[in-house]
Full PDB file with SEQRES, HELIX, SHEET, SSBOND, CRYST1, ORIGX, SCALE, CONECT and MASTER records, all heavy atoms in Angstrom:
SEQRES   1 A   32  VAL ARG GLU ILE ARG PHE ASP GLY GLU PHE ARG VAL ARG          
SEQRES   2 A   32  THR ASP ASN ALA VAL LEU ASP ALA ARG ASN LEU VAL ILE          
SEQRES   3 A   32  ASP ILE GLY LYS GLN ALA                                      
SHEET    1 AA1 3 GLU A   3  PHE A   6  0                                        
SHEET    2 AA1 3 PHE A  10  ARG A  13 -1                                        
SHEET    3 AA1 3 VAL A  18  ALA A  21 -1                                        
CRYST1    1.000    1.000    1.000  90.00  90.00  90.00 P 1           1          
ORIGX1      1.000000  0.000000  0.000000        0.00000                         
ORIGX2      0.000000  1.000000  0.000000        0.00000                         
ORIGX3      0.000000  0.000000  1.000000        0.00000                         
SCALE1      1.000000  0.000000  0.000000        0.00000                         
SCALE2      0.000000  1.000000  0.000000        0.00000                         
SCALE3      0.000000  0.000000  1.000000        0.00000                         
ATOM      1  N   VAL A   1       0.838  -1.201   0.027  1.00  0.00           N  
ATOM      2  CA  VAL A   1       0.017  -0.023  -0.015  1.00  0.00           C  
ATOM      3  C   VAL A   1       0.903   1.231  -0.025  1.00  0.00           C  
ATOM      4  O   VAL A   1       1.794   1.401   0.847  1.00  0.00           O  
ATOM      5  CB  VAL A   1      -0.887   0.018   1.224  1.00  0.00           C  
ATOM      6  CG1 VAL A   1      -1.717   1.344   1.325  1.00  0.00           C  
ATOM      7  CG2 VAL A   1      -1.911  -1.164   1.136  1.00  0.00           C  
ATOM      8  N   ARG A   2       0.621   2.121  -0.919  1.00  0.00           N  
ATOM      9  CA  ARG A   2       1.475   3.363  -1.067  1.00  0.00           C  
ATOM     10  C   ARG A   2       0.768   4.620  -0.558  1.00  0.00           C  
ATOM     11  O   ARG A   2       1.429   5.562  -0.107  1.00  0.00           O  
ATOM     12  CB  ARG A   2       1.756   3.512  -2.564  1.00  0.00           C  
ATOM     13  CG  ARG A   2       2.595   2.471  -3.154  1.00  0.00           C  
ATOM     14  CD  ARG A   2       3.911   2.221  -2.438  1.00  0.00           C  
ATOM     15  NE  ARG A   2       4.679   1.074  -2.909  1.00  0.00           N  
ATOM     16  CZ  ARG A   2       5.720   0.620  -2.439  1.00  0.00           C  
ATOM     17  NH1 ARG A   2       6.179   1.046  -1.322  1.00  0.00           N  
ATOM     18  NH2 ARG A   2       6.340  -0.439  -3.003  1.00  0.00           N  
ATOM     19  N   GLU A   3      -0.583   4.581  -0.634  1.00  0.00           N  
ATOM     20  CA  GLU A   3      -1.236   5.912  -0.250  1.00  0.00           C  
ATOM     21  C   GLU A   3      -2.714   5.602   0.058  1.00  0.00           C  
ATOM     22  O   GLU A   3      -3.314   4.724  -0.570  1.00  0.00           O  
ATOM     23  CB  GLU A   3      -1.163   6.912  -1.414  1.00  0.00           C  
ATOM     24  CG  GLU A   3      -1.715   8.259  -1.132  1.00  0.00           C  
ATOM     25  CD  GLU A   3      -1.685   9.131  -2.403  1.00  0.00           C  
ATOM     26  OE1 GLU A   3      -2.487   8.856  -3.278  1.00  0.00           O  
ATOM     27  OE2 GLU A   3      -0.865  10.058  -2.384  1.00  0.00           O  
ATOM     28  N   ILE A   4      -3.196   6.265   1.095  1.00  0.00           N  
ATOM     29  CA  ILE A   4      -4.617   6.174   1.425  1.00  0.00           C  
ATOM     30  C   ILE A   4      -5.233   7.574   1.450  1.00  0.00           C  
ATOM     31  O   ILE A   4      -4.727   8.568   2.082  1.00  0.00           O  
ATOM     32  CB  ILE A   4      -4.848   5.529   2.770  1.00  0.00           C  
ATOM     33  CG1 ILE A   4      -4.458   4.107   2.763  1.00  0.00           C  
ATOM     34  CG2 ILE A   4      -6.350   5.645   3.257  1.00  0.00           C  
ATOM     35  CD1 ILE A   4      -4.471   3.367   4.015  1.00  0.00           C  
ATOM     36  N   ARG A   5      -6.253   7.788   0.678  1.00  0.00           N  
ATOM     37  CA  ARG A   5      -7.071   9.057   0.682  1.00  0.00           C  
ATOM     38  C   ARG A   5      -8.460   8.746   1.017  1.00  0.00           C  
ATOM     39  O   ARG A   5      -8.956   7.600   1.078  1.00  0.00           O  
ATOM     40  CB  ARG A   5      -6.923   9.736  -0.725  1.00  0.00           C  
ATOM     41  CG  ARG A   5      -5.417  10.202  -1.019  1.00  0.00           C  
ATOM     42  CD  ARG A   5      -5.468  10.987  -2.304  1.00  0.00           C  
ATOM     43  NE  ARG A   5      -4.105  11.445  -2.588  1.00  0.00           N  
ATOM     44  CZ  ARG A   5      -3.555  12.543  -2.094  1.00  0.00           C  
ATOM     45  NH1 ARG A   5      -4.329  13.355  -1.400  1.00  0.00           N  
ATOM     46  NH2 ARG A   5      -2.317  12.935  -2.399  1.00  0.00           N  
ATOM     47  N   PHE A   6      -9.296   9.889   1.185  1.00  0.00           N  
ATOM     48  CA  PHE A   6     -10.768   9.656   1.420  1.00  0.00           C  
ATOM     49  C   PHE A   6     -11.471  10.645   0.557  1.00  0.00           C  
ATOM     50  O   PHE A   6     -11.237  11.844   0.485  1.00  0.00           O  
ATOM     51  CB  PHE A   6     -11.022   9.996   2.890  1.00  0.00           C  
ATOM     52  CG  PHE A   6     -12.462   9.723   3.254  1.00  0.00           C  
ATOM     53  CD1 PHE A   6     -12.910   8.517   3.492  1.00  0.00           C  
ATOM     54  CD2 PHE A   6     -13.380  10.806   3.264  1.00  0.00           C  
ATOM     55  CE1 PHE A   6     -14.272   8.194   3.814  1.00  0.00           C  
ATOM     56  CE2 PHE A   6     -14.719  10.532   3.566  1.00  0.00           C  
ATOM     57  CZ  PHE A   6     -15.129   9.211   3.827  1.00  0.00           C  
ATOM     58  N   ASP A   7     -12.494   9.968  -0.163  1.00  0.00           N  
ATOM     59  CA  ASP A   7     -13.341  10.816  -1.032  1.00  0.00           C  
ATOM     60  C   ASP A   7     -14.712  10.139  -1.022  1.00  0.00           C  
ATOM     61  O   ASP A   7     -15.053   9.465  -1.926  1.00  0.00           O  
ATOM     62  CB  ASP A   7     -12.846  10.850  -2.465  1.00  0.00           C  
ATOM     63  CG  ASP A   7     -13.624  11.694  -3.405  1.00  0.00           C  
ATOM     64  OD1 ASP A   7     -14.440  12.474  -2.872  1.00  0.00           O  
ATOM     65  OD2 ASP A   7     -13.546  11.532  -4.614  1.00  0.00           O  
ATOM     66  N   GLY A   8     -15.349  10.192   0.114  1.00  0.00           N  
ATOM     67  CA  GLY A   8     -16.583   9.471   0.350  1.00  0.00           C  
ATOM     68  C   GLY A   8     -16.418   8.071   0.808  1.00  0.00           C  
ATOM     69  O   GLY A   8     -17.137   7.528   1.612  1.00  0.00           O  
ATOM     70  N   GLU A   9     -15.440   7.416   0.245  1.00  0.00           N  
ATOM     71  CA  GLU A   9     -14.921   6.099   0.669  1.00  0.00           C  
ATOM     72  C   GLU A   9     -13.442   6.180   0.827  1.00  0.00           C  
ATOM     73  O   GLU A   9     -12.742   7.116   0.207  1.00  0.00           O  
ATOM     74  CB  GLU A   9     -15.340   5.009  -0.258  1.00  0.00           C  
ATOM     75  CG  GLU A   9     -16.904   4.714  -0.224  1.00  0.00           C  
ATOM     76  CD  GLU A   9     -17.218   3.464  -0.981  1.00  0.00           C  
ATOM     77  OE1 GLU A   9     -16.336   2.893  -1.713  1.00  0.00           O  
ATOM     78  OE2 GLU A   9     -18.318   2.959  -0.655  1.00  0.00           O  
ATOM     79  N   PHE A  10     -12.807   5.301   1.547  1.00  0.00           N  
ATOM     80  CA  PHE A  10     -11.338   5.202   1.610  1.00  0.00           C  
ATOM     81  C   PHE A  10     -10.780   4.697   0.295  1.00  0.00           C  
ATOM     82  O   PHE A  10     -11.286   3.608  -0.186  1.00  0.00           O  
ATOM     83  CB  PHE A  10     -10.953   4.290   2.751  1.00  0.00           C  
ATOM     84  CG  PHE A  10     -11.228   4.899   4.072  1.00  0.00           C  
ATOM     85  CD1 PHE A  10     -12.373   4.485   4.892  1.00  0.00           C  
ATOM     86  CD2 PHE A  10     -10.429   5.941   4.662  1.00  0.00           C  
ATOM     87  CE1 PHE A  10     -12.607   5.012   6.083  1.00  0.00           C  
ATOM     88  CE2 PHE A  10     -10.748   6.499   5.781  1.00  0.00           C  
ATOM     89  CZ  PHE A  10     -11.817   6.023   6.617  1.00  0.00           C  
ATOM     90  N   ARG A  11      -9.824   5.367  -0.224  1.00  0.00           N  
ATOM     91  CA  ARG A  11      -9.232   4.963  -1.569  1.00  0.00           C  
ATOM     92  C   ARG A  11      -7.768   4.560  -1.283  1.00  0.00           C  
ATOM     93  O   ARG A  11      -6.979   5.281  -0.817  1.00  0.00           O  
ATOM     94  CB  ARG A  11      -9.323   6.142  -2.489  1.00  0.00           C  
ATOM     95  CG  ARG A  11      -8.702   5.751  -3.906  1.00  0.00           C  
ATOM     96  CD  ARG A  11      -9.405   6.672  -4.908  1.00  0.00           C  
ATOM     97  NE  ARG A  11     -10.790   6.365  -5.126  1.00  0.00           N  
ATOM     98  CZ  ARG A  11     -11.667   7.177  -5.744  1.00  0.00           C  
ATOM     99  NH1 ARG A  11     -11.295   8.263  -6.241  1.00  0.00           N  
ATOM    100  NH2 ARG A  11     -12.934   6.819  -5.881  1.00  0.00           N  
ATOM    101  N   VAL A  12      -7.536   3.251  -1.577  1.00  0.00           N  
ATOM    102  CA  VAL A  12      -6.244   2.638  -1.178  1.00  0.00           C  
ATOM    103  C   VAL A  12      -5.539   2.402  -2.535  1.00  0.00           C  
ATOM    104  O   VAL A  12      -5.953   1.623  -3.374  1.00  0.00           O  
ATOM    105  CB  VAL A  12      -6.470   1.302  -0.466  1.00  0.00           C  
ATOM    106  CG1 VAL A  12      -5.130   0.658  -0.144  1.00  0.00           C  
ATOM    107  CG2 VAL A  12      -7.238   1.547   0.789  1.00  0.00           C  
ATOM    108  N   ARG A  13      -4.367   3.067  -2.626  1.00  0.00           N  
ATOM    109  CA  ARG A  13      -3.559   2.897  -3.850  1.00  0.00           C  
ATOM    110  C   ARG A  13      -2.402   1.979  -3.539  1.00  0.00           C  
ATOM    111  O   ARG A  13      -1.572   2.217  -2.618  1.00  0.00           O  
ATOM    112  CB  ARG A  13      -3.015   4.261  -4.358  1.00  0.00           C  
ATOM    113  CG  ARG A  13      -2.246   4.154  -5.654  1.00  0.00           C  
ATOM    114  CD  ARG A  13      -1.797   5.488  -6.194  1.00  0.00           C  
ATOM    115  NE  ARG A  13      -0.869   6.145  -5.266  1.00  0.00           N  
ATOM    116  CZ  ARG A  13       0.410   5.928  -5.221  1.00  0.00           C  
ATOM    117  NH1 ARG A  13       1.006   5.032  -6.007  1.00  0.00           N  
ATOM    118  NH2 ARG A  13       1.216   6.625  -4.338  1.00  0.00           N  
ATOM    119  N   THR A  14      -2.231   0.932  -4.286  1.00  0.00           N  
ATOM    120  CA  THR A  14      -1.102  -0.005  -4.123  1.00  0.00           C  
ATOM    121  C   THR A  14      -0.265   0.088  -5.438  1.00  0.00           C  
ATOM    122  O   THR A  14      -0.556   0.911  -6.344  1.00  0.00           O  
ATOM    123  CB  THR A  14      -1.621  -1.445  -4.044  1.00  0.00           C  
ATOM    124  OG1 THR A  14      -2.070  -1.967  -5.244  1.00  0.00           O  
ATOM    125  CG2 THR A  14      -2.752  -1.597  -2.953  1.00  0.00           C  
ATOM    126  N   ASP A  15       0.731  -0.709  -5.547  1.00  0.00           N  
ATOM    127  CA  ASP A  15       1.578  -0.785  -6.749  1.00  0.00           C  
ATOM    128  C   ASP A  15       0.825  -1.185  -7.993  1.00  0.00           C  
ATOM    129  O   ASP A  15       1.163  -0.961  -9.063  1.00  0.00           O  
ATOM    130  CB  ASP A  15       2.814  -1.683  -6.538  1.00  0.00           C  
ATOM    131  CG  ASP A  15       3.835  -1.081  -5.548  1.00  0.00           C  
ATOM    132  OD1 ASP A  15       3.829   0.117  -5.445  1.00  0.00           O  
ATOM    133  OD2 ASP A  15       4.495  -1.863  -4.911  1.00  0.00           O  
ATOM    134  N   ASN A  16      -0.319  -1.934  -7.775  1.00  0.00           N  
ATOM    135  CA  ASN A  16      -0.965  -2.641  -8.753  1.00  0.00           C  
ATOM    136  C   ASN A  16      -2.455  -2.188  -9.020  1.00  0.00           C  
ATOM    137  O   ASN A  16      -3.073  -2.555 -10.025  1.00  0.00           O  
ATOM    138  CB  ASN A  16      -0.951  -4.135  -8.542  1.00  0.00           C  
ATOM    139  CG  ASN A  16       0.410  -4.696  -8.332  1.00  0.00           C  
ATOM    140  OD1 ASN A  16       1.328  -4.443  -9.106  1.00  0.00           O  
ATOM    141  ND2 ASN A  16       0.578  -5.484  -7.260  1.00  0.00           N  
ATOM    142  N   ALA A  17      -2.998  -1.462  -8.103  1.00  0.00           N  
ATOM    143  CA  ALA A  17      -4.439  -1.198  -8.156  1.00  0.00           C  
ATOM    144  C   ALA A  17      -4.811   0.000  -7.289  1.00  0.00           C  
ATOM    145  O   ALA A  17      -4.072   0.475  -6.447  1.00  0.00           O  
ATOM    146  CB  ALA A  17      -5.248  -2.450  -7.810  1.00  0.00           C  
ATOM    147  N   VAL A  18      -5.982   0.489  -7.489  1.00  0.00           N  
ATOM    148  CA  VAL A  18      -6.685   1.460  -6.645  1.00  0.00           C  
ATOM    149  C   VAL A  18      -7.941   0.835  -6.142  1.00  0.00           C  
ATOM    150  O   VAL A  18      -8.841   0.485  -6.975  1.00  0.00           O  
ATOM    151  CB  VAL A  18      -6.983   2.754  -7.330  1.00  0.00           C  
ATOM    152  CG1 VAL A  18      -7.611   3.767  -6.373  1.00  0.00           C  
ATOM    153  CG2 VAL A  18      -5.574   3.452  -7.815  1.00  0.00           C  
ATOM    154  N   LEU A  19      -8.153   0.648  -4.925  1.00  0.00           N  
ATOM    155  CA  LEU A  19      -9.309  -0.037  -4.304  1.00  0.00           C  
ATOM    156  C   LEU A  19     -10.056   0.872  -3.385  1.00  0.00           C  
ATOM    157  O   LEU A  19      -9.431   1.700  -2.654  1.00  0.00           O  
ATOM    158  CB  LEU A  19      -8.770  -1.272  -3.536  1.00  0.00           C  
ATOM    159  CG  LEU A  19      -8.036  -2.288  -4.343  1.00  0.00           C  
ATOM    160  CD1 LEU A  19      -7.401  -3.256  -3.407  1.00  0.00           C  
ATOM    161  CD2 LEU A  19      -8.924  -2.972  -5.363  1.00  0.00           C  
ATOM    162  N   ASP A  20     -11.378   0.776  -3.339  1.00  0.00           N  
ATOM    163  CA  ASP A  20     -12.274   1.598  -2.450  1.00  0.00           C  
ATOM    164  C   ASP A  20     -12.869   0.684  -1.474  1.00  0.00           C  
ATOM    165  O   ASP A  20     -13.222  -0.499  -1.734  1.00  0.00           O  
ATOM    166  CB  ASP A  20     -13.255   2.371  -3.262  1.00  0.00           C  
ATOM    167  CG  ASP A  20     -12.723   3.439  -4.122  1.00  0.00           C  
ATOM    168  OD1 ASP A  20     -11.560   3.876  -3.856  1.00  0.00           O  
ATOM    169  OD2 ASP A  20     -13.387   3.854  -5.107  1.00  0.00           O  
ATOM    170  N   ALA A  21     -13.087   1.177  -0.279  1.00  0.00           N  
ATOM    171  CA  ALA A  21     -13.776   0.497   0.777  1.00  0.00           C  
ATOM    172  C   ALA A  21     -14.397   1.459   1.826  1.00  0.00           C  
ATOM    173  O   ALA A  21     -13.964   2.568   1.980  1.00  0.00           O  
ATOM    174  CB  ALA A  21     -12.884  -0.455   1.520  1.00  0.00           C  
ATOM    175  N   ARG A  22     -15.498   1.013   2.382  1.00  0.00           N  
ATOM    176  CA  ARG A  22     -16.193   1.890   3.382  1.00  0.00           C  
ATOM    177  C   ARG A  22     -15.379   1.970   4.719  1.00  0.00           C  
ATOM    178  O   ARG A  22     -15.479   2.926   5.439  1.00  0.00           O  
ATOM    179  CB  ARG A  22     -17.595   1.232   3.650  1.00  0.00           C  
ATOM    180  CG  ARG A  22     -18.479   1.240   2.382  1.00  0.00           C  
ATOM    181  CD  ARG A  22     -19.898   0.962   2.769  1.00  0.00           C  
ATOM    182  NE  ARG A  22     -20.082  -0.499   3.166  1.00  0.00           N  
ATOM    183  CZ  ARG A  22     -20.101  -1.530   2.356  1.00  0.00           C  
ATOM    184  NH1 ARG A  22     -19.990  -1.325   1.009  1.00  0.00           N  
ATOM    185  NH2 ARG A  22     -20.260  -2.730   2.819  1.00  0.00           N  
ATOM    186  N   ASN A  23     -14.621   0.915   4.989  1.00  0.00           N  
ATOM    187  CA  ASN A  23     -13.806   0.904   6.244  1.00  0.00           C  
ATOM    188  C   ASN A  23     -12.441   0.361   6.012  1.00  0.00           C  
ATOM    189  O   ASN A  23     -12.209  -0.355   5.076  1.00  0.00           O  
ATOM    190  CB  ASN A  23     -14.523  -0.018   7.272  1.00  0.00           C  
ATOM    191  CG  ASN A  23     -15.947   0.367   7.526  1.00  0.00           C  
ATOM    192  OD1 ASN A  23     -16.267   1.301   8.269  1.00  0.00           O  
ATOM    193  ND2 ASN A  23     -16.907  -0.352   6.969  1.00  0.00           N  
ATOM    194  N   LEU A  24     -11.512   0.854   6.947  1.00  0.00           N  
ATOM    195  CA  LEU A  24     -10.161   0.341   6.863  1.00  0.00           C  
ATOM    196  C   LEU A  24      -9.788  -0.223   8.207  1.00  0.00           C  
ATOM    197  O   LEU A  24     -10.230   0.258   9.238  1.00  0.00           O  
ATOM    198  CB  LEU A  24      -9.194   1.528   6.528  1.00  0.00           C  
ATOM    199  CG  LEU A  24      -9.173   2.158   5.194  1.00  0.00           C  
ATOM    200  CD1 LEU A  24      -8.066   3.197   5.136  1.00  0.00           C  
ATOM    201  CD2 LEU A  24      -8.853   1.076   4.119  1.00  0.00           C  
ATOM    202  N   VAL A  25      -8.919  -1.240   8.150  1.00  0.00           N  
ATOM    203  CA  VAL A  25      -8.367  -1.791   9.428  1.00  0.00           C  
ATOM    204  C   VAL A  25      -6.846  -1.824   9.171  1.00  0.00           C  
ATOM    205  O   VAL A  25      -6.415  -2.589   8.267  1.00  0.00           O  
ATOM    206  CB  VAL A  25      -8.896  -3.150   9.813  1.00  0.00           C  
ATOM    207  CG1 VAL A  25      -8.318  -3.597  11.126  1.00  0.00           C  
ATOM    208  CG2 VAL A  25     -10.443  -3.136   9.848  1.00  0.00           C  
ATOM    209  N   ILE A  26      -6.087  -1.136   9.908  1.00  0.00           N  
ATOM    210  CA  ILE A  26      -4.742  -1.002   9.770  1.00  0.00           C  
ATOM    211  C   ILE A  26      -3.885  -1.774  10.857  1.00  0.00           C  
ATOM    212  O   ILE A  26      -4.133  -1.470  11.942  1.00  0.00           O  
ATOM    213  CB  ILE A  26      -4.161   0.465   9.684  1.00  0.00           C  
ATOM    214  CG1 ILE A  26      -4.860   1.119   8.471  1.00  0.00           C  
ATOM    215  CG2 ILE A  26      -2.639   0.557   9.531  1.00  0.00           C  
ATOM    216  CD1 ILE A  26      -4.596   2.674   8.405  1.00  0.00           C  
ATOM    217  N   ASP A  27      -3.076  -2.666  10.444  1.00  0.00           N  
ATOM    218  CA  ASP A  27      -2.247  -3.405  11.365  1.00  0.00           C  
ATOM    219  C   ASP A  27      -0.885  -2.710  11.322  1.00  0.00           C  
ATOM    220  O   ASP A  27      -0.093  -2.877  10.394  1.00  0.00           O  
ATOM    221  CB  ASP A  27      -2.100  -4.890  10.910  1.00  0.00           C  
ATOM    222  CG  ASP A  27      -1.277  -5.715  11.806  1.00  0.00           C  
ATOM    223  OD1 ASP A  27      -0.745  -5.221  12.809  1.00  0.00           O  
ATOM    224  OD2 ASP A  27      -1.306  -7.012  11.639  1.00  0.00           O  
ATOM    225  N   ILE A  28      -0.614  -1.897  12.357  1.00  0.00           N  
ATOM    226  CA  ILE A  28       0.545  -1.095  12.309  1.00  0.00           C  
ATOM    227  C   ILE A  28       1.751  -1.960  12.771  1.00  0.00           C  
ATOM    228  O   ILE A  28       1.768  -2.461  13.880  1.00  0.00           O  
ATOM    229  CB  ILE A  28       0.381   0.159  13.253  1.00  0.00           C  
ATOM    230  CG1 ILE A  28      -0.631   1.066  12.683  1.00  0.00           C  
ATOM    231  CG2 ILE A  28       1.747   0.873  13.397  1.00  0.00           C  
ATOM    232  CD1 ILE A  28      -0.803   2.364  13.376  1.00  0.00           C  
ATOM    233  N   GLY A  29       2.692  -2.113  11.870  1.00  0.00           N  
ATOM    234  CA  GLY A  29       3.789  -3.021  12.137  1.00  0.00           C  
ATOM    235  C   GLY A  29       4.905  -2.307  12.943  1.00  0.00           C  
ATOM    236  O   GLY A  29       4.864  -1.116  13.178  1.00  0.00           O  
ATOM    237  N   LYS A  30       5.860  -3.168  13.291  1.00  0.00           N  
ATOM    238  CA  LYS A  30       6.966  -2.636  14.127  1.00  0.00           C  
ATOM    239  C   LYS A  30       8.037  -2.203  13.230  1.00  0.00           C  
ATOM    240  O   LYS A  30       8.346  -2.787  12.225  1.00  0.00           O  
ATOM    241  CB  LYS A  30       7.459  -3.714  15.117  1.00  0.00           C  
ATOM    242  CG  LYS A  30       6.426  -4.293  16.043  1.00  0.00           C  
ATOM    243  CD  LYS A  30       6.889  -5.416  16.863  1.00  0.00           C  
ATOM    244  CE  LYS A  30       5.951  -5.997  17.815  1.00  0.00           C  
ATOM    245  NZ  LYS A  30       6.509  -7.156  18.557  1.00  0.00           N  
ATOM    246  N   GLN A  31       8.863  -1.246  13.774  1.00  0.00           N  
ATOM    247  CA  GLN A  31      10.078  -0.923  13.187  1.00  0.00           C  
ATOM    248  C   GLN A  31      11.187  -0.773  14.198  1.00  0.00           C  
ATOM    249  O   GLN A  31      10.945  -0.407  15.310  1.00  0.00           O  
ATOM    250  CB  GLN A  31       9.915   0.431  12.293  1.00  0.00           C  
ATOM    251  CG  GLN A  31      10.697   1.545  12.655  1.00  0.00           C  
ATOM    252  CD  GLN A  31      10.417   2.738  11.767  1.00  0.00           C  
ATOM    253  OE1 GLN A  31       9.737   2.726  10.787  1.00  0.00           O  
ATOM    254  NE2 GLN A  31      11.025   3.843  12.138  1.00  0.00           N  
ATOM    255  N   ALA A  32      12.391  -1.234  13.846  1.00  0.00           N  
ATOM    256  CA  ALA A  32      13.456  -1.248  14.860  1.00  0.00           C  
ATOM    257  C   ALA A  32      13.629   0.112  15.523  1.00  0.00           C  
ATOM    258  O   ALA A  32      13.609   1.170  14.851  1.00  0.00           O  
ATOM    259  CB  ALA A  32      14.767  -1.633  14.190  1.00  0.00           C  
TER     260      ALA A  32                                                      
MASTER        0    0    0    0    3    0    0    6  259    1    0    3          
END                                                                             
């Protein structure tokens, strides 16, 4: 996932696609 915007629905841009959804659940990973 490269970018998340909101325009009535959440718009998720990946390297391969742009997907829309009513809700997002983010699993925030760890960094050293």
